N, C-alpha and C. Protein backbone atom coordinates (compact mmCIF):
# COMPACT_ATOMS: atom_id res chain seq x y z
N MET A 1 -3.97 -26.17 -13.47
CA MET A 1 -3.86 -25.06 -12.35
C MET A 1 -5.62 -24.96 -11.48
N LYS A 2 -4.94 -24.46 -9.84
CA LYS A 2 -6.10 -24.63 -9.03
C LYS A 2 -6.42 -23.75 -8.79
N LEU A 3 -7.00 -23.00 -8.78
CA LEU A 3 -7.40 -21.96 -7.63
C LEU A 3 -8.59 -21.86 -6.16
N LEU A 4 -7.32 -21.68 -5.28
CA LEU A 4 -8.95 -21.16 -3.66
C LEU A 4 -9.40 -19.87 -3.78
N HIS A 5 -10.18 -19.93 -3.78
CA HIS A 5 -11.48 -18.64 -3.38
C HIS A 5 -11.89 -18.87 -2.05
N ILE A 6 -11.24 -17.79 -1.19
CA ILE A 6 -11.49 -17.60 0.21
C ILE A 6 -12.45 -16.24 0.82
N ASP A 7 -13.10 -16.53 1.12
CA ASP A 7 -14.10 -14.93 1.92
C ASP A 7 -14.02 -15.11 3.33
N SER A 8 -14.22 -14.25 4.09
CA SER A 8 -14.05 -13.98 5.50
C SER A 8 -15.07 -12.75 6.26
N SER A 9 -15.56 -11.97 4.55
CA SER A 9 -16.35 -11.28 6.01
C SER A 9 -17.51 -11.59 6.43
N VAL A 10 -17.77 -10.70 6.73
CA VAL A 10 -19.27 -11.24 7.64
C VAL A 10 -20.29 -10.47 7.12
N SER A 11 -20.88 -8.96 6.16
CA SER A 11 -21.23 -8.29 5.38
C SER A 11 -21.55 -9.11 4.54
N GLY A 12 -21.89 -10.34 4.14
CA GLY A 12 -22.98 -10.48 3.37
C GLY A 12 -22.39 -10.04 1.83
N SER A 13 -23.59 -9.44 1.27
CA SER A 13 -23.94 -8.82 -0.24
C SER A 13 -23.52 -7.08 -0.16
N ASN A 14 -23.01 -7.00 0.53
CA ASN A 14 -22.45 -5.57 1.30
C ASN A 14 -21.18 -5.94 1.41
N SER A 15 -20.14 -6.70 0.96
CA SER A 15 -19.22 -6.46 1.48
C SER A 15 -18.40 -6.60 0.07
N ILE A 16 -17.56 -5.56 0.38
CA ILE A 16 -16.71 -4.52 -0.64
C ILE A 16 -15.29 -6.06 -0.63
N SER A 17 -14.80 -6.39 0.11
CA SER A 17 -13.81 -7.68 -0.16
C SER A 17 -14.13 -8.70 -0.59
N ARG A 18 -15.40 -9.45 -1.00
CA ARG A 18 -15.87 -10.49 -1.46
C ARG A 18 -16.40 -10.12 -2.48
N GLN A 19 -16.77 -8.67 -3.14
CA GLN A 19 -17.09 -8.25 -4.68
C GLN A 19 -15.04 -8.38 -5.65
N LEU A 20 -14.48 -7.93 -4.45
CA LEU A 20 -13.06 -7.66 -4.84
C LEU A 20 -12.13 -9.42 -5.35
N THR A 21 -12.71 -9.81 -4.69
CA THR A 21 -12.19 -11.60 -4.44
C THR A 21 -13.23 -11.85 -5.97
N ALA A 22 -14.34 -11.59 -5.38
CA ALA A 22 -15.36 -12.29 -7.27
C ALA A 22 -14.84 -11.60 -8.37
N ARG A 23 -14.31 -10.59 -8.34
CA ARG A 23 -13.77 -9.75 -9.67
C ARG A 23 -12.43 -10.72 -9.87
N ILE A 24 -11.43 -11.11 -9.32
CA ILE A 24 -9.74 -11.33 -9.21
C ILE A 24 -10.21 -12.93 -9.86
N ALA A 25 -11.49 -13.18 -9.05
CA ALA A 25 -11.72 -14.84 -9.49
C ALA A 25 -11.70 -14.81 -10.74
N ASP A 26 -12.43 -13.80 -11.58
CA ASP A 26 -13.55 -13.85 -12.55
C ASP A 26 -11.72 -13.70 -13.89
N GLN A 27 -11.35 -12.79 -13.61
CA GLN A 27 -10.01 -12.47 -14.21
C GLN A 27 -9.04 -13.75 -14.46
N TRP A 28 -8.78 -14.58 -12.95
CA TRP A 28 -7.93 -15.68 -13.29
C TRP A 28 -8.67 -16.49 -14.34
N ARG A 29 -10.13 -16.63 -14.19
CA ARG A 29 -10.89 -17.84 -15.15
C ARG A 29 -10.71 -17.32 -16.82
N ASN A 30 -10.87 -15.68 -16.74
CA ASN A 30 -10.48 -15.67 -18.44
C ASN A 30 -9.02 -15.75 -18.69
N ALA A 31 -8.52 -15.95 -18.06
CA ALA A 31 -6.50 -15.83 -18.39
C ALA A 31 -6.42 -17.44 -18.49
N HIS A 32 -7.14 -18.23 -17.84
CA HIS A 32 -6.83 -19.86 -17.39
C HIS A 32 -8.31 -20.61 -17.80
N ALA A 33 -8.30 -20.82 -19.03
CA ALA A 33 -9.53 -21.85 -20.06
C ALA A 33 -9.78 -23.11 -18.78
N GLU A 34 -7.91 -23.46 -18.20
CA GLU A 34 -8.44 -24.97 -17.79
C GLU A 34 -8.14 -24.79 -16.32
N LEU A 35 -8.42 -23.69 -15.86
CA LEU A 35 -9.19 -23.42 -13.98
C LEU A 35 -9.72 -24.30 -13.73
N GLU A 36 -9.29 -24.65 -12.08
CA GLU A 36 -10.37 -25.07 -11.34
C GLU A 36 -10.70 -24.67 -10.31
N VAL A 37 -11.59 -23.80 -9.56
CA VAL A 37 -11.66 -23.27 -8.89
C VAL A 37 -12.32 -24.33 -7.33
N GLU A 38 -11.91 -23.67 -6.28
CA GLU A 38 -12.83 -24.48 -5.16
C GLU A 38 -12.68 -22.57 -3.95
N TYR A 39 -14.10 -22.93 -3.79
CA TYR A 39 -14.55 -21.55 -3.13
C TYR A 39 -14.82 -22.62 -1.45
N LEU A 40 -14.43 -21.52 -0.61
CA LEU A 40 -14.09 -21.25 0.71
C LEU A 40 -14.94 -20.17 1.01
N ASP A 41 -15.85 -20.16 1.45
CA ASP A 41 -16.46 -18.65 3.22
C ASP A 41 -16.54 -18.83 3.85
N LEU A 42 -15.54 -18.43 4.68
CA LEU A 42 -15.51 -18.89 6.49
C LEU A 42 -16.21 -18.05 7.07
N ALA A 43 -17.73 -16.77 6.96
CA ALA A 43 -17.90 -16.25 7.20
C ALA A 43 -18.98 -17.29 7.57
N ALA A 44 -19.37 -18.11 6.58
CA ALA A 44 -20.41 -19.35 6.79
C ALA A 44 -20.38 -20.44 7.70
N ASP A 45 -18.64 -20.80 7.20
CA ASP A 45 -18.01 -22.08 7.39
C ASP A 45 -16.84 -22.09 8.26
N ALA A 46 -16.88 -21.42 9.24
CA ALA A 46 -15.72 -21.15 9.41
C ALA A 46 -15.31 -22.25 10.69
N PRO A 47 -14.20 -23.26 10.16
CA PRO A 47 -13.29 -24.37 11.56
C PRO A 47 -13.37 -23.63 12.87
N ASN A 48 -14.12 -24.53 14.11
CA ASN A 48 -13.32 -24.02 15.10
C ASN A 48 -12.16 -23.17 15.50
N HIS A 49 -12.43 -22.45 16.79
CA HIS A 49 -10.82 -22.01 17.51
C HIS A 49 -9.56 -22.98 17.33
N LEU A 50 -8.93 -22.79 17.85
CA LEU A 50 -7.68 -23.08 18.58
C LEU A 50 -8.43 -24.12 19.75
N SER A 51 -8.37 -24.97 19.93
CA SER A 51 -8.92 -25.77 21.88
C SER A 51 -8.05 -27.06 21.74
N GLN A 52 -8.16 -27.55 22.87
CA GLN A 52 -7.57 -28.81 23.51
C GLN A 52 -7.83 -29.50 22.49
N GLU A 53 -9.01 -30.44 21.91
CA GLU A 53 -9.57 -30.92 20.78
C GLU A 53 -8.89 -30.54 19.34
N SER A 54 -9.10 -29.11 18.87
CA SER A 54 -8.43 -28.82 17.70
C SER A 54 -7.51 -28.48 17.21
N LEU A 55 -6.14 -28.69 18.20
CA LEU A 55 -5.02 -28.75 18.20
C LEU A 55 -4.07 -30.03 18.84
N GLY A 56 -5.13 -31.33 18.89
CA GLY A 56 -4.86 -33.03 18.42
C GLY A 56 -4.03 -33.04 17.09
N PHE A 57 -3.93 -32.12 15.76
CA PHE A 57 -3.23 -32.46 14.56
C PHE A 57 -1.84 -32.24 15.42
N ARG A 58 -2.08 -31.54 16.21
CA ARG A 58 0.21 -31.60 16.42
C ARG A 58 0.50 -33.13 17.18
N LEU A 59 -0.44 -33.71 17.56
CA LEU A 59 0.09 -34.88 17.78
C LEU A 59 -0.40 -36.44 17.21
N PRO A 60 0.89 -37.57 17.70
CA PRO A 60 0.48 -38.17 16.12
C PRO A 60 -0.92 -38.88 16.21
N PRO A 61 -0.95 -39.99 15.28
CA PRO A 61 -2.57 -40.14 15.58
C PRO A 61 -2.09 -41.78 16.06
N SER A 62 -3.20 -41.33 16.74
CA SER A 62 -3.42 -42.45 17.83
C SER A 62 -4.42 -42.85 18.77
N ASP A 63 -5.61 -44.44 18.97
CA ASP A 63 -6.55 -44.75 18.89
C ASP A 63 -6.53 -43.85 20.55
N ALA A 64 -5.28 -43.26 21.29
CA ALA A 64 -5.71 -42.78 22.37
C ALA A 64 -6.50 -41.00 22.09
N LEU A 65 -6.95 -40.10 21.01
CA LEU A 65 -7.53 -38.79 20.77
C LEU A 65 -8.77 -39.62 20.74
N SER A 66 -9.40 -38.68 21.23
CA SER A 66 -10.76 -38.64 21.31
C SER A 66 -11.57 -38.44 20.51
N GLU A 67 -12.58 -39.05 20.01
CA GLU A 67 -13.86 -38.68 19.28
C GLU A 67 -13.85 -37.11 18.41
N ALA A 68 -13.82 -35.88 19.49
CA ALA A 68 -13.65 -34.80 19.31
C ALA A 68 -11.95 -34.51 18.54
N GLN A 69 -11.34 -34.90 19.43
CA GLN A 69 -10.21 -34.82 18.20
C GLN A 69 -9.84 -35.40 17.29
N LYS A 70 -10.35 -36.33 17.11
CA LYS A 70 -9.80 -36.91 15.62
C LYS A 70 -10.84 -36.53 14.61
N ARG A 71 -12.16 -35.89 14.67
CA ARG A 71 -13.25 -35.31 14.03
C ARG A 71 -12.09 -34.13 13.67
N GLU A 72 -11.45 -32.81 14.48
CA GLU A 72 -11.23 -31.86 14.31
C GLU A 72 -10.31 -31.92 13.63
N ASN A 73 -9.20 -33.46 13.72
CA ASN A 73 -7.86 -33.40 12.81
C ASN A 73 -8.57 -34.21 11.41
N ALA A 74 -9.61 -34.30 10.70
CA ALA A 74 -10.05 -34.91 9.41
C ALA A 74 -10.19 -33.18 9.71
N LEU A 75 -10.67 -32.41 9.78
CA LEU A 75 -11.06 -30.68 9.26
C LEU A 75 -9.44 -30.34 8.74
N SER A 76 -8.89 -30.55 9.84
CA SER A 76 -7.52 -29.54 9.76
C SER A 76 -7.11 -30.00 8.78
N GLU A 77 -6.88 -31.44 8.32
CA GLU A 77 -6.12 -31.83 7.30
C GLU A 77 -6.87 -32.12 5.81
N ALA A 78 -8.05 -32.09 5.80
CA ALA A 78 -8.70 -31.12 4.72
C ALA A 78 -8.23 -29.83 4.49
N LEU A 79 -8.38 -29.07 5.09
CA LEU A 79 -8.04 -27.44 4.53
C LEU A 79 -6.74 -27.29 4.65
N VAL A 80 -5.86 -27.53 5.78
CA VAL A 80 -4.48 -27.39 5.34
C VAL A 80 -4.43 -28.48 3.30
N SER A 81 -4.61 -29.93 3.47
CA SER A 81 -4.09 -30.35 2.04
C SER A 81 -5.58 -29.51 1.12
N GLN A 82 -6.41 -28.64 1.17
CA GLN A 82 -6.87 -28.13 -0.08
C GLN A 82 -6.20 -26.51 -0.55
N PHE A 83 -5.46 -26.07 0.92
CA PHE A 83 -4.34 -24.80 0.57
C PHE A 83 -3.16 -25.73 -0.28
N LEU A 84 -3.00 -26.78 0.34
CA LEU A 84 -1.56 -27.34 -0.69
C LEU A 84 -1.76 -28.03 -1.79
N ASP A 85 -3.15 -28.30 -2.26
CA ASP A 85 -2.93 -28.39 -3.42
C ASP A 85 -3.25 -27.54 -4.55
N ALA A 86 -3.67 -26.29 -4.02
CA ALA A 86 -4.26 -24.82 -4.61
C ALA A 86 -2.73 -24.34 -5.34
N ASP A 87 -2.59 -24.06 -6.48
CA ASP A 87 -1.46 -23.11 -7.11
C ASP A 87 -1.31 -21.80 -6.91
N VAL A 88 -3.03 -20.84 -6.41
CA VAL A 88 -3.22 -19.93 -6.55
C VAL A 88 -4.46 -19.79 -5.34
N VAL A 89 -4.06 -18.55 -4.30
CA VAL A 89 -5.32 -18.73 -3.57
C VAL A 89 -5.90 -17.13 -3.36
N VAL A 90 -6.96 -16.66 -3.14
CA VAL A 90 -7.23 -15.79 -3.68
C VAL A 90 -8.86 -15.31 -2.17
N ILE A 91 -7.47 -14.71 -0.79
CA ILE A 91 -8.17 -13.98 0.10
C ILE A 91 -9.06 -12.94 0.43
N GLY A 92 -9.90 -12.75 0.83
CA GLY A 92 -10.99 -11.42 1.56
C GLY A 92 -10.19 -11.05 2.99
N ALA A 93 -10.03 -10.36 3.02
CA ALA A 93 -9.99 -9.50 4.00
C ALA A 93 -9.44 -8.20 4.55
N PRO A 94 -11.54 -8.60 4.54
CA PRO A 94 -11.12 -6.83 5.64
C PRO A 94 -10.62 -6.46 6.67
N LEU A 95 -10.55 -4.92 6.67
CA LEU A 95 -10.07 -5.04 8.30
C LEU A 95 -10.75 -4.80 8.84
N TYR A 96 -10.55 -5.50 10.23
CA TYR A 96 -11.23 -5.47 11.48
C TYR A 96 -11.05 -4.88 13.06
N ASN A 97 -11.25 -4.34 13.58
CA ASN A 97 -10.16 -3.22 14.67
C ASN A 97 -8.36 -4.07 14.15
N PHE A 98 -7.91 -3.71 13.42
CA PHE A 98 -6.74 -3.36 13.05
C PHE A 98 -6.13 -4.64 12.41
N SER A 99 -7.19 -5.66 12.37
CA SER A 99 -6.46 -6.35 12.08
C SER A 99 -7.25 -7.37 10.90
N ILE A 100 -7.45 -9.27 11.13
CA ILE A 100 -7.94 -10.18 9.89
C ILE A 100 -9.34 -10.64 11.10
N PRO A 101 -10.55 -11.06 10.25
CA PRO A 101 -11.90 -11.22 10.82
C PRO A 101 -10.84 -12.75 12.02
N SER A 102 -11.63 -12.53 12.68
CA SER A 102 -11.43 -13.76 14.16
C SER A 102 -11.64 -15.20 12.68
N GLN A 103 -12.60 -15.54 11.30
CA GLN A 103 -12.56 -16.32 10.77
C GLN A 103 -11.35 -17.12 10.35
N LEU A 104 -10.68 -15.62 9.40
CA LEU A 104 -9.64 -16.15 8.42
C LEU A 104 -8.41 -16.46 9.73
N LYS A 105 -8.45 -15.99 10.99
CA LYS A 105 -7.37 -16.17 11.55
C LYS A 105 -7.14 -17.59 11.98
N ALA A 106 -8.43 -18.67 11.37
CA ALA A 106 -8.96 -19.55 12.48
C ALA A 106 -8.79 -20.39 11.55
N TRP A 107 -8.84 -20.10 10.31
CA TRP A 107 -8.28 -21.26 9.11
C TRP A 107 -7.11 -20.71 9.07
N ILE A 108 -6.30 -20.12 9.27
CA ILE A 108 -4.80 -20.00 8.97
C ILE A 108 -4.12 -20.90 10.69
N ASP A 109 -4.73 -20.45 11.54
CA ASP A 109 -4.36 -21.17 12.63
C ASP A 109 -4.54 -22.83 12.02
N ARG A 110 -5.37 -23.39 11.52
CA ARG A 110 -5.43 -25.02 10.90
C ARG A 110 -4.47 -25.13 10.22
N ILE A 111 -4.32 -24.22 8.86
CA ILE A 111 -3.27 -24.88 8.04
C ILE A 111 -1.77 -24.56 8.50
N ALA A 112 -1.26 -23.79 9.80
CA ALA A 112 -0.21 -23.34 9.79
C ALA A 112 0.64 -24.45 10.33
N GLN A 113 0.99 -25.51 10.32
CA GLN A 113 0.99 -27.38 10.51
C GLN A 113 2.60 -27.37 10.21
N ALA A 114 3.81 -27.72 11.45
CA ALA A 114 4.36 -28.34 11.13
C ALA A 114 4.75 -29.38 10.90
N GLY A 115 5.68 -29.56 9.57
CA GLY A 115 5.68 -30.87 8.71
C GLY A 115 5.12 -30.26 7.68
N ARG A 116 4.38 -29.27 7.23
CA ARG A 116 2.87 -29.62 6.44
C ARG A 116 3.55 -28.39 5.71
N THR A 117 3.36 -26.83 6.01
CA THR A 117 3.83 -25.51 5.43
C THR A 117 4.58 -25.27 5.74
N PHE A 118 5.37 -26.02 7.32
CA PHE A 118 6.85 -25.85 7.68
C PHE A 118 7.09 -26.02 8.45
N LYS A 119 8.32 -26.13 8.67
CA LYS A 119 9.73 -26.99 9.53
C LYS A 119 10.79 -25.36 10.25
N TYR A 120 10.70 -27.19 10.84
CA TYR A 120 11.94 -26.40 12.24
C TYR A 120 13.20 -26.61 11.91
N THR A 121 13.89 -26.02 11.71
CA THR A 121 15.44 -26.20 11.59
C THR A 121 16.39 -25.84 12.05
N GLU A 122 18.43 -26.58 12.12
CA GLU A 122 18.98 -25.93 13.07
C GLU A 122 18.99 -24.34 12.97
N GLN A 123 19.03 -23.57 11.61
CA GLN A 123 19.17 -22.64 10.97
C GLN A 123 17.52 -21.91 11.23
N GLY A 124 16.76 -22.49 11.52
CA GLY A 124 14.71 -21.39 11.82
C GLY A 124 14.14 -22.43 10.91
N PRO A 125 13.54 -21.66 11.27
CA PRO A 125 11.60 -22.18 10.91
C PRO A 125 12.15 -21.83 9.23
N VAL A 126 11.14 -22.92 7.99
CA VAL A 126 12.06 -23.21 6.38
C VAL A 126 10.14 -23.08 6.18
N GLY A 127 9.67 -22.26 5.27
CA GLY A 127 8.61 -22.37 4.88
C GLY A 127 8.51 -24.03 3.67
N LEU A 128 7.69 -24.40 4.10
CA LEU A 128 7.18 -25.43 3.02
C LEU A 128 6.04 -25.09 1.69
N ALA A 129 5.59 -24.40 1.55
CA ALA A 129 4.15 -23.91 0.61
C ALA A 129 4.73 -22.97 -0.46
N GLY A 130 5.96 -23.13 -0.43
CA GLY A 130 6.74 -22.07 -1.49
C GLY A 130 5.88 -22.67 -3.28
N GLY A 131 6.34 -21.44 -3.83
CA GLY A 131 5.43 -21.48 -4.98
C GLY A 131 4.01 -21.49 -6.01
N LYS A 132 3.31 -21.36 -4.51
CA LYS A 132 1.99 -20.31 -4.89
C LYS A 132 2.06 -19.34 -5.29
N THR A 133 1.00 -17.87 -5.93
CA THR A 133 0.53 -17.11 -5.48
C THR A 133 -0.32 -16.77 -4.67
N VAL A 134 -1.11 -15.96 -4.33
CA VAL A 134 -1.19 -15.36 -2.96
C VAL A 134 -1.98 -14.03 -3.21
N ILE A 135 -3.13 -13.65 -3.25
CA ILE A 135 -4.35 -12.68 -3.86
C ILE A 135 -4.84 -12.50 -2.96
N VAL A 136 -4.14 -11.16 -1.82
CA VAL A 136 -5.01 -11.40 -0.79
C VAL A 136 -6.22 -9.53 -1.58
N ALA A 137 -7.99 -9.65 -1.16
CA ALA A 137 -8.62 -8.43 -1.39
C ALA A 137 -8.17 -7.72 -0.16
N SER A 138 -7.96 -6.46 0.11
CA SER A 138 -8.21 -5.82 1.49
C SER A 138 -8.66 -5.10 1.31
N SER A 139 -9.74 -4.49 2.37
CA SER A 139 -10.56 -4.08 1.89
C SER A 139 -10.53 -2.93 3.78
N ARG A 140 -10.24 -1.35 3.36
CA ARG A 140 -10.66 -1.31 4.97
C ARG A 140 -11.30 -0.12 5.07
N GLY A 141 -11.94 0.77 6.21
CA GLY A 141 -13.34 1.77 6.44
C GLY A 141 -12.11 3.18 6.22
N GLY A 142 -10.38 3.26 6.97
CA GLY A 142 -10.32 4.51 6.48
C GLY A 142 -9.00 4.15 6.15
N ILE A 143 -7.98 4.95 5.62
CA ILE A 143 -6.61 5.23 5.43
C ILE A 143 -5.46 4.87 6.42
N TYR A 144 -4.74 3.82 5.65
CA TYR A 144 -3.85 3.48 6.51
C TYR A 144 -2.41 3.61 5.91
N SER A 145 -2.33 3.34 4.82
CA SER A 145 -1.04 3.28 3.73
C SER A 145 -0.20 4.58 3.38
N THR A 146 -0.76 5.41 3.68
CA THR A 146 -0.11 6.64 3.11
C THR A 146 0.48 6.87 4.22
N SER A 147 0.47 6.60 6.26
CA SER A 147 1.22 7.30 6.73
C SER A 147 2.04 6.37 7.36
N GLU A 148 3.05 6.77 8.45
CA GLU A 148 4.11 5.83 9.12
C GLU A 148 2.81 5.11 10.07
N ALA A 149 2.25 6.37 11.06
CA ALA A 149 1.38 5.89 12.19
C ALA A 149 -0.30 4.87 11.50
N GLY A 150 -0.68 5.25 10.15
CA GLY A 150 -1.29 4.54 9.62
C GLY A 150 -1.04 2.81 9.75
N ARG A 151 0.30 2.82 8.89
CA ARG A 151 1.26 1.02 9.02
C ARG A 151 1.44 0.68 10.01
N ALA A 152 1.73 1.85 11.27
CA ALA A 152 1.47 1.16 12.08
C ALA A 152 0.36 0.50 13.19
N MET A 153 -0.85 0.68 12.66
CA MET A 153 -1.76 0.79 13.67
C MET A 153 -2.51 -0.85 12.82
N GLU A 154 -1.84 -1.35 11.40
CA GLU A 154 -2.27 -2.26 10.79
C GLU A 154 -2.57 -3.65 11.33
N HIS A 155 -2.97 -4.07 11.19
CA HIS A 155 -1.73 -5.66 11.05
C HIS A 155 -2.86 -6.88 10.83
N GLN A 156 -3.06 -6.25 9.30
CA GLN A 156 -3.69 -6.57 8.50
C GLN A 156 -3.08 -7.40 7.11
N GLU A 157 -2.59 -6.22 6.74
CA GLU A 157 -1.55 -6.89 5.13
C GLU A 157 -0.21 -7.30 5.75
N SER A 158 -0.03 -6.39 6.63
CA SER A 158 1.24 -6.79 7.22
C SER A 158 1.84 -8.27 7.58
N TYR A 159 0.40 -8.45 8.71
CA TYR A 159 0.30 -10.31 9.13
C TYR A 159 0.44 -11.76 8.54
N LEU A 160 -0.63 -10.94 7.08
CA LEU A 160 -0.42 -11.47 6.07
C LEU A 160 0.59 -11.65 5.12
N GLN A 161 1.12 -10.94 4.75
CA GLN A 161 2.56 -11.34 4.59
C GLN A 161 3.34 -11.88 5.32
N ILE A 162 3.58 -11.62 6.98
CA ILE A 162 4.28 -12.35 7.39
C ILE A 162 3.50 -13.93 7.54
N VAL A 163 2.78 -14.42 7.89
CA VAL A 163 2.32 -15.67 7.43
C VAL A 163 2.29 -16.19 6.39
N PHE A 164 2.46 -15.89 4.93
CA PHE A 164 2.40 -16.86 3.53
C PHE A 164 4.04 -16.79 3.82
N GLY A 165 4.46 -15.71 4.17
CA GLY A 165 5.87 -15.47 3.67
C GLY A 165 6.41 -16.25 4.09
N PHE A 166 6.08 -17.05 5.66
CA PHE A 166 6.12 -18.12 6.74
C PHE A 166 6.40 -19.38 6.35
N PHE A 167 5.44 -19.77 5.40
CA PHE A 167 5.60 -20.66 4.58
C PHE A 167 5.67 -21.11 3.61
N GLY A 168 6.11 -20.11 3.08
CA GLY A 168 7.90 -20.40 1.99
C GLY A 168 7.14 -19.47 1.00
N ILE A 169 5.99 -18.95 0.94
CA ILE A 169 5.45 -18.39 0.18
C ILE A 169 5.59 -16.39 -0.56
N ASN A 170 6.80 -16.33 -1.45
CA ASN A 170 7.24 -14.77 -1.85
C ASN A 170 6.12 -14.12 -3.06
N ASP A 171 4.95 -14.91 -3.63
CA ASP A 171 5.03 -14.32 -4.76
C ASP A 171 3.01 -13.89 -3.66
N VAL A 172 2.93 -13.06 -2.61
CA VAL A 172 1.94 -12.40 -2.35
C VAL A 172 1.65 -10.79 -2.64
N ARG A 173 0.37 -10.11 -3.61
CA ARG A 173 0.32 -9.38 -4.38
C ARG A 173 -1.00 -9.51 -3.04
N PHE A 174 -1.20 -7.56 -3.27
CA PHE A 174 -2.74 -6.42 -2.54
C PHE A 174 -3.38 -6.14 -3.70
N VAL A 175 -4.86 -6.34 -3.31
CA VAL A 175 -5.51 -5.35 -4.05
C VAL A 175 -6.15 -4.28 -3.09
N ARG A 176 -6.06 -3.72 -2.43
CA ARG A 176 -6.64 -2.30 -1.74
C ARG A 176 -7.67 -1.64 -1.60
N ALA A 177 -8.60 -1.75 -1.88
CA ALA A 177 -8.84 -1.18 -0.86
C ALA A 177 -9.29 0.24 0.00
N GLU A 178 -9.43 1.53 0.12
CA GLU A 178 -9.20 1.60 1.44
C GLU A 178 -10.21 3.37 1.88
N GLY A 179 -10.16 3.66 2.72
CA GLY A 179 -10.78 5.19 2.28
C GLY A 179 -12.83 4.76 2.27
N LEU A 180 -13.21 3.80 2.31
CA LEU A 180 -14.44 3.36 2.29
C LEU A 180 -15.14 3.74 2.62
N ASN A 181 -15.08 4.29 3.80
CA ASN A 181 -16.19 4.51 5.32
C ASN A 181 -15.76 6.26 4.82
N MET A 182 -14.76 7.28 4.12
CA MET A 182 -14.67 8.37 4.38
C MET A 182 -15.57 9.27 3.70
N GLY A 183 -16.54 9.05 2.63
CA GLY A 183 -17.19 9.92 2.04
C GLY A 183 -17.69 9.17 0.99
N GLU A 184 -17.99 9.51 -0.34
CA GLU A 184 -19.03 8.80 -1.58
C GLU A 184 -17.01 8.93 -2.33
N ALA A 185 -16.68 9.74 -2.57
CA ALA A 185 -15.62 10.46 -3.62
C ALA A 185 -15.08 9.51 -3.13
N THR A 186 -13.88 9.52 -2.02
CA THR A 186 -12.99 8.62 -1.25
C THR A 186 -13.18 7.41 -1.51
N LYS A 187 -14.50 6.76 -1.19
CA LYS A 187 -14.60 4.81 -1.81
C LYS A 187 -14.65 5.02 -3.29
N ALA A 188 -15.40 5.54 -4.29
CA ALA A 188 -15.15 5.66 -5.17
C ALA A 188 -13.50 5.56 -6.37
N GLU A 189 -12.97 6.22 -5.19
CA GLU A 189 -11.90 6.35 -5.72
C GLU A 189 -10.84 5.83 -5.04
N ALA A 190 -11.32 4.59 -4.59
CA ALA A 190 -10.74 3.62 -3.52
C ALA A 190 -11.08 2.18 -4.82
N LEU A 191 -12.38 2.72 -5.39
CA LEU A 191 -12.65 1.27 -5.70
C LEU A 191 -12.20 1.20 -7.05
N ALA A 192 -11.73 1.91 -7.81
CA ALA A 192 -10.76 2.84 -9.05
C ALA A 192 -10.00 2.64 -8.55
N GLY A 193 -9.31 2.29 -7.59
CA GLY A 193 -7.53 2.21 -7.81
C GLY A 193 -7.67 0.55 -7.61
N ALA A 194 -8.64 -0.35 -7.18
CA ALA A 194 -9.11 -1.72 -6.34
C ALA A 194 -9.19 -2.16 -8.23
N GLU A 195 -9.81 -1.73 -8.72
CA GLU A 195 -9.91 -2.10 -10.18
C GLU A 195 -9.28 -2.26 -11.19
N ARG A 196 -8.69 -1.23 -11.02
CA ARG A 196 -6.74 -0.48 -11.73
C ARG A 196 -6.11 -2.33 -11.48
N SER A 197 -5.61 -2.57 -10.23
CA SER A 197 -4.98 -3.60 -9.55
C SER A 197 -4.99 -4.63 -10.15
N ILE A 198 -6.70 -5.06 -10.36
CA ILE A 198 -6.94 -5.97 -10.96
C ILE A 198 -6.75 -6.54 -12.39
N GLN A 199 -6.72 -4.85 -13.04
CA GLN A 199 -6.56 -5.20 -14.09
C GLN A 199 -4.99 -5.36 -14.67
N ALA A 200 -4.38 -4.98 -13.11
CA ALA A 200 -2.83 -5.38 -13.65
C ALA A 200 -2.71 -7.11 -13.07
N LEU A 201 -3.36 -7.20 -12.91
CA LEU A 201 -3.11 -9.27 -12.04
C LEU A 201 -3.85 -9.49 -13.54
N GLN A 202 -4.97 -9.22 -13.81
CA GLN A 202 -5.09 -9.83 -15.38
C GLN A 202 -3.56 -9.60 -16.34
N LEU A 203 -3.30 -9.13 -16.69
CA LEU A 203 -2.13 -8.52 -17.48
C LEU A 203 -1.15 -9.56 -17.47
N GLU A 204 -0.74 -9.55 -16.04
CA GLU A 204 0.04 -9.99 -15.28
C GLU A 204 -0.08 -12.14 -15.76
N ALA A 205 -1.18 -12.45 -15.60
CA ALA A 205 -2.09 -13.29 -15.40
C ALA A 205 -1.87 -14.17 -17.23
N ALA A 206 -2.08 -13.53 -18.48
CA ALA A 206 -2.09 -13.71 -19.09
C ALA A 206 -1.30 -13.58 -19.81
N ASN A 207 -0.22 -12.51 -19.46
CA ASN A 207 1.97 -12.62 -19.89
C ASN A 207 1.78 -14.14 -18.96
N GLU A 208 1.47 -14.99 -18.20
CA GLU A 208 2.18 -15.84 -17.48
C GLU A 208 2.07 -17.03 -18.10
N ASN A 209 0.82 -17.06 -18.76
CA ASN A 209 0.28 -18.44 -19.51
C ASN A 209 0.46 -18.42 -21.60
N GLN A 210 0.86 -17.23 -21.16
CA GLN A 210 2.11 -17.30 -22.69
C GLN A 210 2.48 -17.54 -22.21
N ALA A 211 3.58 -17.42 -21.25
CA ALA A 211 4.94 -17.34 -21.28
C ALA A 211 4.72 -19.29 -21.44
N ALA A 212 4.35 -19.57 -20.50
CA ALA A 212 3.67 -20.97 -20.30
C ALA A 212 3.53 -22.21 -21.32
N ALA A 213 2.60 -21.53 -22.10
CA ALA A 213 2.48 -22.16 -23.14
C ALA A 213 3.64 -21.94 -24.12
N ALA A 214 4.38 -21.16 -24.27
CA ALA A 214 5.77 -21.51 -24.96
C ALA A 214 6.42 -21.79 -24.37
N ALA A 215 6.92 -22.26 -23.32
CA ALA A 215 7.98 -23.10 -22.67
C ALA A 215 7.66 -24.20 -23.35
């Protein structure tokens, strides 16, 4: 089993989402002794945002491609192959200005490839990356999940649910810590709730491991 561990927060050691992804990855290691883990820090090593050069992966391989396009194609291929090879993807996704970090969006733009993670048919788009588990460690300074107005404002969890669903992934789980900037008591409550969610994930992983061993 392969797990791809991705962080995108620019806050370094102060990042709550990084703390959560580390805890989640450790839980999966404990539950799956054979687990292989790859780590991707998008804050330290983000792909370039889409450009004429980085859109080259949408073109057929050709000597007409520029050297810049070939380099960007190689990076896009490495990222989408890494994603497709993973059985579990753990993503740290803090809420930045009501959405996800631009570094995380740049990664998504690289793996959103027709013919690799989805395809178009006469009946509409079909995801090609099903069968994975995606776990998102969601951190938020405010509280958005408890009101209709708050849910309308956030384009973080909602966007990730949609884009991974578009890739055919039905098992998208969230570990959420929100209200982190609303005082120490609220922050402590948020972290405790996130820890309970991680413990529940550990139980699910252990049960899945036992079921696989018994099969």
